[in-house]
Amino acid sequence: VNDRLVPLARAEQWCRDAAGAHSMGSIPFPHFETSAKTAVNVDEAFHEVARLALQYEDYKRRSQPPQLFVPPTVPPIDLRRQTSSTYEERNDTCC
């Protein structure tokens, strides 16, 4: 009994199209015939997808420049500078 929900040709074409549109176009998307009912090829498909995901993350990491945090430039505080100690000395204008 063929309980296929997606025609084989359509699934294979999707894999080819997705691989071509992928930012790592040289890595093909594999096609697995699986069965949720009998678990045929489910583990193999999962492991292959996980392997490709790790490969993709490594590719992204290597193709991007390192991301360094550069704090905003803030003028240094001069602790030796003398400041007024009373409000009147600091602010000689009123309202």
PDB file of N, CA and C in Angstrom:
ATOM      1  N   VAL A   1       0.851  -1.180   0.000  1.00  0.00           N
ATOM      2  CA  VAL A   1       0.000   0.000   0.000  1.00  0.00           C
ATOM      3  C   VAL A   1       0.893   1.239   0.000  1.00  0.00           C
ATOM      4  N   ASN A   2       0.647   2.140  -0.931  1.00  0.00           N
ATOM      5  CA  ASN A   2       1.429   3.366  -1.026  1.00  0.00           C
ATOM      6  C   ASN A   2       0.665   4.486  -0.326  1.00  0.00           C
ATOM      7  N   ASP A   3       1.154   4.857   0.851  1.00  0.00           N
ATOM      8  CA  ASP A   3       0.525   5.928   1.624  1.00  0.00           C
ATOM      9  C   ASP A   3       1.271   7.247   1.459  1.00  0.00           C
ATOM     10  N   ARG A   4       1.990   7.369   0.372  1.00  0.00           N
ATOM     11  CA  ARG A   4       2.810   8.557   0.145  1.00  0.00           C
ATOM     12  C   ARG A   4       1.940   9.810   0.087  1.00  0.00           C
ATOM     13  N   LEU A   5       2.335  10.815   0.876  1.00  0.00           N
ATOM     14  CA  LEU A   5       1.605  12.080   0.876  1.00  0.00           C
ATOM     15  C   LEU A   5       2.226  13.092  -0.083  1.00  0.00           C
ATOM     16  N   VAL A   6       3.522  12.942  -0.356  1.00  0.00           N
ATOM     17  CA  VAL A   6       4.227  13.841  -1.270  1.00  0.00           C
ATOM     18  C   VAL A   6       4.811  12.985  -2.387  1.00  0.00           C
ATOM     19  N   PRO A   7       4.496  13.286  -3.628  1.00  0.00           N
ATOM     20  CA  PRO A   7       5.061  12.501  -4.731  1.00  0.00           C
ATOM     21  C   PRO A   7       6.594  12.562  -4.725  1.00  0.00           C
ATOM     22  N   LEU A   8       7.220  11.436  -5.041  1.00  0.00           N
ATOM     23  CA  LEU A   8       8.681  11.339  -5.027  1.00  0.00           C
ATOM     24  C   LEU A   8       9.324  12.418  -5.895  1.00  0.00           C
ATOM     25  N   ALA A   9       8.835  12.622  -7.097  1.00  0.00           N
ATOM     26  CA  ALA A   9       9.429  13.623  -8.001  1.00  0.00           C
ATOM     27  C   ALA A   9       9.349  15.020  -7.395  1.00  0.00           C
ATOM     28  N   ARG A  10       8.249  15.319  -6.736  1.00  0.00           N
ATOM     29  CA  ARG A  10       8.096  16.645  -6.110  1.00  0.00           C
ATOM     30  C   ARG A  10       9.099  16.824  -4.966  1.00  0.00           C
ATOM     31  N   ALA A  11       9.278  15.810  -4.152  1.00  0.00           N
ATOM     32  CA  ALA A  11      10.225  15.889  -3.033  1.00  0.00           C
ATOM     33  C   ALA A  11      11.657  16.048  -3.537  1.00  0.00           C
ATOM     34  N   GLU A  12      12.016  15.278  -4.554  1.00  0.00           N
ATOM     35  CA  GLU A  12      13.370  15.379  -5.104  1.00  0.00           C
ATOM     36  C   GLU A  12      13.602  16.745  -5.743  1.00  0.00           C
ATOM     37  N   GLN A  13      12.606  17.266  -6.447  1.00  0.00           N
ATOM     38  CA  GLN A  13      12.742  18.593  -7.059  1.00  0.00           C
ATOM     39  C   GLN A  13      12.896  19.667  -5.988  1.00  0.00           C
ATOM     40  N   TRP A  14      12.139  19.553  -4.902  1.00  0.00           N
ATOM     41  CA  TRP A  14      12.246  20.513  -3.804  1.00  0.00           C
ATOM     42  C   TRP A  14      13.665  20.507  -3.238  1.00  0.00           C
ATOM     43  N   CYS A  15      14.246  19.338  -3.061  1.00  0.00           N
ATOM     44  CA  CYS A  15      15.616  19.248  -2.535  1.00  0.00           C
ATOM     45  C   CYS A  15      16.606  19.931  -3.474  1.00  0.00           C
ATOM     46  N   ARG A  16      16.449  19.713  -4.774  1.00  0.00           N
ATOM     47  CA  ARG A  16      17.344  20.371  -5.745  1.00  0.00           C
ATOM     48  C   ARG A  16      17.163  21.886  -5.712  1.00  0.00           C
ATOM     49  N   ASP A  17      15.915  22.347  -5.695  1.00  0.00           N
ATOM     50  CA  ASP A  17      15.641  23.786  -5.678  1.00  0.00           C
ATOM     51  C   ASP A  17      16.153  24.434  -4.395  1.00  0.00           C
ATOM     52  N   ALA A  18      15.919  23.791  -3.284  1.00  0.00           N
ATOM     53  CA  ALA A  18      16.345  24.346  -1.994  1.00  0.00           C
ATOM     54  C   ALA A  18      17.858  24.422  -1.917  1.00  0.00           C
ATOM     55  N   ALA A  19      18.543  23.423  -2.436  1.00  0.00           N
ATOM     56  CA  ALA A  19      20.007  23.440  -2.413  1.00  0.00           C
ATOM     57  C   ALA A  19      20.541  24.562  -3.289  1.00  0.00           C
ATOM     58  N   GLY A  20      19.896  24.826  -4.420  1.00  0.00           N
ATOM     59  CA  GLY A  20      20.334  25.902  -5.302  1.00  0.00           C
ATOM     60  C   GLY A  20      20.125  27.276  -4.707  1.00  0.00           C
ATOM     61  N   ALA A  21      19.089  27.437  -3.904  1.00  0.00           N
ATOM     62  CA  ALA A  21      18.788  28.732  -3.288  1.00  0.00           C
ATOM     63  C   ALA A  21      19.516  28.916  -1.967  1.00  0.00           C
ATOM     64  N   HIS A  22      20.135  27.883  -1.512  1.00  0.00           N
ATOM     65  CA  HIS A  22      20.811  27.890  -0.213  1.00  0.00           C
ATOM     66  C   HIS A  22      22.086  28.709  -0.288  1.00  0.00           C
ATOM     67  N   SER A  23      22.429  29.399   0.796  1.00  0.00           N
ATOM     68  CA  SER A  23      23.638  30.228   0.802  1.00  0.00           C
ATOM     69  C   SER A  23      24.904  29.394   0.689  1.00  0.00           C
ATOM     70  N   MET A  24      24.810  28.105   0.941  1.00  0.00           N
ATOM     71  CA  MET A  24      25.945  27.199   0.764  1.00  0.00           C
ATOM     72  C   MET A  24      25.639  26.300  -0.428  1.00  0.00           C
ATOM     73  N   GLY A  25      25.292  26.860  -1.545  1.00  0.00           N
ATOM     74  CA  GLY A  25      24.806  26.138  -2.698  1.00  0.00           C
ATOM     75  C   GLY A  25      25.540  24.872  -3.065  1.00  0.00           C
ATOM     76  N   SER A  26      26.785  24.710  -2.630  1.00  0.00           N
ATOM     77  CA  SER A  26      27.536  23.516  -2.984  1.00  0.00           C
ATOM     78  C   SER A  26      27.107  22.295  -2.177  1.00  0.00           C
ATOM     79  N   ILE A  27      26.344  22.497  -1.129  1.00  0.00           N
ATOM     80  CA  ILE A  27      25.909  21.371  -0.302  1.00  0.00           C
ATOM     81  C   ILE A  27      24.492  20.995  -0.714  1.00  0.00           C
ATOM     82  N   PRO A  28      24.327  19.805  -1.304  1.00  0.00           N
ATOM     83  CA  PRO A  28      22.986  19.409  -1.737  1.00  0.00           C
ATOM     84  C   PRO A  28      22.106  19.034  -0.546  1.00  0.00           C
ATOM     85  N   PHE A  29      20.821  19.239  -0.702  1.00  0.00           N
ATOM     86  CA  PHE A  29      19.875  18.788   0.316  1.00  0.00           C
ATOM     87  C   PHE A  29      19.561  17.326   0.009  1.00  0.00           C
ATOM     88  N   PRO A  30      19.797  16.449   0.951  1.00  0.00           N
ATOM     89  CA  PRO A  30      19.518  15.038   0.687  1.00  0.00           C
ATOM     90  C   PRO A  30      18.019  14.754   0.723  1.00  0.00           C
ATOM     91  N   HIS A  31      17.642  13.705   0.041  1.00  0.00           N
ATOM     92  CA  HIS A  31      16.250  13.265   0.055  1.00  0.00           C
ATOM     93  C   HIS A  31      16.210  11.897   0.719  1.00  0.00           C
ATOM     94  N   PHE A  32      15.341  11.747   1.685  1.00  0.00           N
ATOM     95  CA  PHE A  32      15.182  10.472   2.383  1.00  0.00           C
ATOM     96  C   PHE A  32      13.741  10.005   2.248  1.00  0.00           C
ATOM     97  N   GLU A  33      13.578   8.757   1.886  1.00  0.00           N
ATOM     98  CA  GLU A  33      12.266   8.126   1.941  1.00  0.00           C
ATOM     99  C   GLU A  33      12.108   7.632   3.370  1.00  0.00           C
ATOM    100  N   THR A  34      11.171   8.206   4.102  1.00  0.00           N
ATOM    101  CA  THR A  34      10.967   7.830   5.500  1.00  0.00           C
ATOM    102  C   THR A  34       9.523   7.386   5.723  1.00  0.00           C
ATOM    103  N   SER A  35       9.333   6.759   6.861  1.00  0.00           N
ATOM    104  CA  SER A  35       7.983   6.356   7.252  1.00  0.00           C
ATOM    105  C   SER A  35       7.813   6.602   8.738  1.00  0.00           C
ATOM    106  N   ALA A  36       6.862   7.440   9.075  1.00  0.00           N
ATOM    107  CA  ALA A  36       6.549   7.653  10.485  1.00  0.00           C
ATOM    108  C   ALA A  36       5.885   6.407  11.063  1.00  0.00           C
ATOM    109  N   LYS A  37       5.213   5.674  10.213  1.00  0.00           N
ATOM    110  CA  LYS A  37       4.492   4.476  10.656  1.00  0.00           C
ATOM    111  C   LYS A  37       5.448   3.354  11.045  1.00  0.00           C
ATOM    112  N   THR A  38       6.486   3.138  10.233  1.00  0.00           N
ATOM    113  CA  THR A  38       7.421   2.031  10.498  1.00  0.00           C
ATOM    114  C   THR A  38       8.788   2.509  10.966  1.00  0.00           C
ATOM    115  N   ALA A  39       9.004   3.820  11.004  1.00  0.00           N
ATOM    116  CA  ALA A  39      10.274   4.438  11.414  1.00  0.00           C
ATOM    117  C   ALA A  39      11.422   4.143  10.452  1.00  0.00           C
ATOM    118  N   VAL A  40      11.120   3.744   9.236  1.00  0.00           N
ATOM    119  CA  VAL A  40      12.160   3.485   8.241  1.00  0.00           C
ATOM    120  C   VAL A  40      12.868   4.791   7.907  1.00  0.00           C
ATOM    121  N   ASN A  41      14.174   4.807   8.025  1.00  0.00           N
ATOM    122  CA  ASN A  41      15.061   5.930   7.680  1.00  0.00           C
ATOM    123  C   ASN A  41      14.862   7.186   8.520  1.00  0.00           C
ATOM    124  N   VAL A  42      14.057   7.135   9.558  1.00  0.00           N
ATOM    125  CA  VAL A  42      13.823   8.327  10.372  1.00  0.00           C
ATOM    126  C   VAL A  42      15.102   8.736  11.093  1.00  0.00           C
ATOM    127  N   ASP A  43      15.789   7.786  11.735  1.00  0.00           N
ATOM    128  CA  ASP A  43      17.045   8.110  12.426  1.00  0.00           C
ATOM    129  C   ASP A  43      18.095   8.627  11.450  1.00  0.00           C
ATOM    130  N   GLU A  44      18.222   7.969  10.308  1.00  0.00           N
ATOM    131  CA  GLU A  44      19.219   8.383   9.320  1.00  0.00           C
ATOM    132  C   GLU A  44      18.944   9.803   8.832  1.00  0.00           C
ATOM    133  N   ALA A  45      17.690  10.102   8.564  1.00  0.00           N
ATOM    134  CA  ALA A  45      17.336  11.446   8.097  1.00  0.00           C
ATOM    135  C   ALA A  45      17.632  12.481   9.174  1.00  0.00           C
ATOM    136  N   PHE A  46      17.273  12.184  10.407  1.00  0.00           N
ATOM    137  CA  PHE A  46      17.518  13.115  11.500  1.00  0.00           C
ATOM    138  C   PHE A  46      19.014  13.371  11.674  1.00  0.00           C
ATOM    139  N   HIS A  47      19.814  12.321  11.673  1.00  0.00           N
ATOM    140  CA  HIS A  47      21.260  12.490  11.853  1.00  0.00           C
ATOM    141  C   HIS A  47      21.883  13.280  10.703  1.00  0.00           C
ATOM    142  N   GLU A  48      21.417  13.054   9.499  1.00  0.00           N
ATOM    143  CA  GLU A  48      21.954  13.795   8.353  1.00  0.00           C
ATOM    144  C   GLU A  48      21.588  15.272   8.435  1.00  0.00           C
ATOM    145  N   VAL A  49      20.365  15.571   8.818  1.00  0.00           N
ATOM    146  CA  VAL A  49      19.950  16.968   8.962  1.00  0.00           C
ATOM    147  C   VAL A  49      20.750  17.641  10.073  1.00  0.00           C
ATOM    148  N   ALA A  50      20.972  16.943  11.175  1.00  0.00           N
ATOM    149  CA  ALA A  50      21.772  17.506  12.269  1.00  0.00           C
ATOM    150  C   ALA A  50      23.205  17.755  11.810  1.00  0.00           C
ATOM    151  N   ARG A  51      23.771  16.820  11.055  1.00  0.00           N
ATOM    152  CA  ARG A  51      25.137  16.987  10.545  1.00  0.00           C
ATOM    153  C   ARG A  51      25.216  18.197   9.616  1.00  0.00           C
ATOM    154  N   LEU A  52      24.245  18.341   8.733  1.00  0.00           N
ATOM    155  CA  LEU A  52      24.236  19.488   7.820  1.00  0.00           C
ATOM    156  C   LEU A  52      24.030  20.800   8.567  1.00  0.00           C
ATOM    157  N   ALA A  53      23.224  20.781   9.612  1.00  0.00           N
ATOM    158  CA  ALA A  53      23.018  21.998  10.404  1.00  0.00           C
ATOM    159  C   ALA A  53      24.320  22.428  11.064  1.00  0.00           C
ATOM    160  N   LEU A  54      25.064  21.481  11.615  1.00  0.00           N
ATOM    161  CA  LEU A  54      26.357  21.810  12.224  1.00  0.00           C
ATOM    162  C   LEU A  54      27.344  22.310  11.173  1.00  0.00           C
ATOM    163  N   GLN A  55      27.329  21.678  10.013  1.00  0.00           N
ATOM    164  CA  GLN A  55      28.206  22.107   8.923  1.00  0.00           C
ATOM    165  C   GLN A  55      27.848  23.529   8.487  1.00  0.00           C
ATOM    166  N   TYR A  56      26.571  23.835   8.412  1.00  0.00           N
ATOM    167  CA  TYR A  56      26.127  25.170   8.019  1.00  0.00           C
ATOM    168  C   TYR A  56      26.535  26.211   9.055  1.00  0.00           C
ATOM    169  N   GLU A  57      26.366  25.903  10.336  1.00  0.00           N
ATOM    170  CA  GLU A  57      26.764  26.841  11.390  1.00  0.00           C
ATOM    171  C   GLU A  57      28.267  27.097  11.339  1.00  0.00           C
ATOM    172  N   ASP A  58      29.051  26.059  11.080  1.00  0.00           N
ATOM    173  CA  ASP A  58      30.497  26.228  10.949  1.00  0.00           C
ATOM    174  C   ASP A  58      30.819  27.108   9.745  1.00  0.00           C
ATOM    175  N   TYR A  59      30.130  26.904   8.629  1.00  0.00           N
ATOM    176  CA  TYR A  59      30.321  27.719   7.430  1.00  0.00           C
ATOM    177  C   TYR A  59      30.008  29.183   7.720  1.00  0.00           C
ATOM    178  N   LYS A  60      28.875  29.441   8.392  1.00  0.00           N
ATOM    179  CA  LYS A  60      28.509  30.818   8.725  1.00  0.00           C
ATOM    180  C   LYS A  60      29.561  31.458   9.620  1.00  0.00           C
ATOM    181  N   ARG A  61      30.033  30.711  10.608  1.00  0.00           N
ATOM    182  CA  ARG A  61      31.020  31.248  11.547  1.00  0.00           C
ATOM    183  C   ARG A  61      32.311  31.610  10.812  1.00  0.00           C
ATOM    184  N   ARG A  62      32.725  30.762   9.891  1.00  0.00           N
ATOM    185  CA  ARG A  62      33.980  31.007   9.166  1.00  0.00           C
ATOM    186  C   ARG A  62      33.857  32.108   8.117  1.00  0.00           C
ATOM    187  N   SER A  63      32.660  32.311   7.571  1.00  0.00           N
ATOM    188  CA  SER A  63      32.508  33.282   6.485  1.00  0.00           C
ATOM    189  C   SER A  63      32.212  34.692   6.979  1.00  0.00           C
ATOM    190  N   GLN A  64      32.000  34.858   8.265  1.00  0.00           N
ATOM    191  CA  GLN A  64      31.719  36.185   8.806  1.00  0.00           C
ATOM    192  C   GLN A  64      32.929  36.687   9.576  1.00  0.00           C
ATOM    193  N   PRO A  65      33.159  37.992   9.523  1.00  0.00           N
ATOM    194  CA  PRO A  65      34.268  38.534  10.316  1.00  0.00           C
ATOM    195  C   PRO A  65      33.965  38.354  11.801  1.00  0.00           C
ATOM    196  N   PRO A  66      35.002  38.247  12.609  1.00  0.00           N
ATOM    197  CA  PRO A  66      34.767  38.095  14.044  1.00  0.00           C
ATOM    198  C   PRO A  66      33.985  39.284  14.580  1.00  0.00           C
ATOM    199  N   GLN A  67      33.091  38.994  15.474  1.00  0.00           N
ATOM    200  CA  GLN A  67      32.280  40.054  16.050  1.00  0.00           C
ATOM    201  C   GLN A  67      32.864  40.439  17.401  1.00  0.00           C
ATOM    202  N   LEU A  68      33.444  41.615  17.436  1.00  0.00           N
ATOM    203  CA  LEU A  68      34.047  42.121  18.660  1.00  0.00           C
ATOM    204  C   LEU A  68      33.183  43.236  19.224  1.00  0.00           C
ATOM    205  N   PHE A  69      33.070  43.269  20.514  1.00  0.00           N
ATOM    206  CA  PHE A  69      32.321  44.338  21.160  1.00  0.00           C
ATOM    207  C   PHE A  69      33.249  45.524  21.348  1.00  0.00           C
ATOM    208  N   VAL A  70      32.864  46.652  20.799  1.00  0.00           N
ATOM    209  CA  VAL A  70      33.621  47.885  20.971  1.00  0.00           C
ATOM    210  C   VAL A  70      32.731  48.833  21.762  1.00  0.00           C
ATOM    211  N   PRO A  71      33.117  49.113  22.995  1.00  0.00           N
ATOM    212  CA  PRO A  71      32.267  49.988  23.799  1.00  0.00           C
ATOM    213  C   PRO A  71      32.247  51.401  23.223  1.00  0.00           C
ATOM    214  N   PRO A  72      31.175  52.122  23.460  1.00  0.00           N
ATOM    215  CA  PRO A  72      31.119  53.494  22.957  1.00  0.00           C
ATOM    216  C   PRO A  72      32.200  54.342  23.618  1.00  0.00           C
ATOM    217  N   THR A  73      32.651  55.336  22.876  1.00  0.00           N
ATOM    218  CA  THR A  73      33.691  56.208  23.407  1.00  0.00           C
ATOM    219  C   THR A  73      33.073  57.159  24.424  1.00  0.00           C
ATOM    220  N   VAL A  74      33.600  57.107  25.620  1.00  0.00           N
ATOM    221  CA  VAL A  74      33.128  57.967  26.703  1.00  0.00           C
ATOM    222  C   VAL A  74      34.339  58.735  27.209  1.00  0.00           C
ATOM    223  N   PRO A  75      34.208  60.045  27.345  1.00  0.00           N
ATOM    224  CA  PRO A  75      35.365  60.795  27.840  1.00  0.00           C
ATOM    225  C   PRO A  75      35.718  60.334  29.258  1.00  0.00           C
ATOM    226  N   PRO A  76      37.002  60.262  29.542  1.00  0.00           N
ATOM    227  CA  PRO A  76      37.411  59.831  30.878  1.00  0.00           C
ATOM    228  C   PRO A  76      37.011  60.861  31.931  1.00  0.00           C
ATOM    229  N   ILE A  77      36.821  60.386  33.126  1.00  0.00           N
ATOM    230  CA  ILE A  77      36.485  61.269  34.249  1.00  0.00           C
ATOM    231  C   ILE A  77      37.777  61.624  34.967  1.00  0.00           C
ATOM    232  N   ASP A  78      38.003  62.924  35.135  1.00  0.00           N
ATOM    233  CA  ASP A  78      39.201  63.390  35.834  1.00  0.00           C
ATOM    234  C   ASP A  78      38.867  63.505  37.316  1.00  0.00           C
ATOM    235  N   LEU A  79      39.367  62.577  38.100  1.00  0.00           N
ATOM    236  CA  LEU A  79      39.075  62.570  39.533  1.00  0.00           C
ATOM    237  C   LEU A  79      39.845  63.650  40.283  1.00  0.00           C
ATOM    238  N   ARG A  80      40.851  64.219  39.651  1.00  0.00           N
ATOM    239  CA  ARG A  80      41.636  65.271  40.312  1.00  0.00           C
ATOM    240  C   ARG A  80      41.007  66.646  40.158  1.00  0.00           C
ATOM    241  N   ARG A  81      40.056  66.773  39.246  1.00  0.00           N
ATOM    242  CA  ARG A  81      39.420  68.056  38.994  1.00  0.00           C
ATOM    243  C   ARG A  81      38.592  68.461  40.208  1.00  0.00           C
ATOM    244  N   GLN A  82      38.776  69.694  40.631  1.00  0.00           N
ATOM    245  CA  GLN A  82      38.034  70.175  41.788  1.00  0.00           C
ATOM    246  C   GLN A  82      36.690  70.715  41.334  1.00  0.00           C
ATOM    247  N   THR A  83      35.689  70.367  42.083  1.00  0.00           N
ATOM    248  CA  THR A  83      34.350  70.856  41.778  1.00  0.00           C
ATOM    249  C   THR A  83      33.828  71.631  42.967  1.00  0.00           C
ATOM    250  N   SER A  84      32.826  72.420  42.712  1.00  0.00           N
ATOM    251  CA  SER A  84      32.207  73.209  43.781  1.00  0.00           C
ATOM    252  C   SER A  84      31.477  72.276  44.731  1.00  0.00           C
ATOM    253  N   SER A  85      31.454  72.666  45.974  1.00  0.00           N
ATOM    254  CA  SER A  85      30.820  71.795  46.952  1.00  0.00           C
ATOM    255  C   SER A  85      29.420  72.244  47.335  1.00  0.00           C
ATOM    256  N   THR A  86      29.038  73.465  46.974  1.00  0.00           N
ATOM    257  CA  THR A  86      27.697  73.920  47.322  1.00  0.00           C
ATOM    258  C   THR A  86      26.938  74.283  46.066  1.00  0.00           C
ATOM    259  N   TYR A  87      25.645  74.308  46.185  1.00  0.00           N
ATOM    260  CA  TYR A  87      24.803  74.633  45.044  1.00  0.00           C
ATOM    261  C   TYR A  87      25.063  76.050  44.560  1.00  0.00           C
ATOM    262  N   GLU A  88      25.230  76.967  45.482  1.00  0.00           N
ATOM    263  CA  GLU A  88      25.449  78.357  45.105  1.00  0.00           C
ATOM    264  C   GLU A  88      26.747  78.515  44.320  1.00  0.00           C
ATOM    265  N   GLU A  89      27.770  77.794  44.706  1.00  0.00           N
ATOM    266  CA  GLU A  89      29.050  77.896  43.994  1.00  0.00           C
ATOM    267  C   GLU A  89      28.948  77.279  42.596  1.00  0.00           C
ATOM    268  N   ARG A  90      28.150  76.263  42.448  1.00  0.00           N
ATOM    269  CA  ARG A  90      28.023  75.588  41.155  1.00  0.00           C
ATOM    270  C   ARG A  90      27.090  76.319  40.206  1.00  0.00           C
ATOM    271  N   ASN A  91      26.100  76.971  40.722  1.00  0.00           N
ATOM    272  CA  ASN A  91      25.088  77.567  39.865  1.00  0.00           C
ATOM    273  C   ASN A  91      24.835  79.001  40.321  1.00  0.00           C
ATOM    274  N   ASP A  92      25.491  79.933  39.660  1.00  0.00           N
ATOM    275  CA  ASP A  92      25.352  81.325  40.079  1.00  0.00           C
ATOM    276  C   ASP A  92      24.155  82.012  39.420  1.00  0.00           C
ATOM    277  N   THR A  93      23.429  81.288  38.590  1.00  0.00           N
ATOM    278  CA  THR A  93      22.224  81.871  37.998  1.00  0.00           C
ATOM    279  C   THR A  93      21.001  81.284  38.682  1.00  0.00           C
ATOM    280  N   CYS A  94      20.001  82.052  38.668  1.00  0.00           N
ATOM    281  CA  CYS A  94      18.772  81.597  39.304  1.00  0.00           C
ATOM    282  C   CYS A  94      17.634  81.648  38.301  1.00  0.00           C
ATOM    283  N   CYS A  95      16.758  80.737  38.382  1.00  0.00           N
ATOM    284  CA  CYS A  95      15.525  80.612  37.605  1.00  0.00           C
ATOM    285  C   CYS A  95      15.614  81.295  36.275  1.00  0.00           C
TER     286      CYS A  95
END
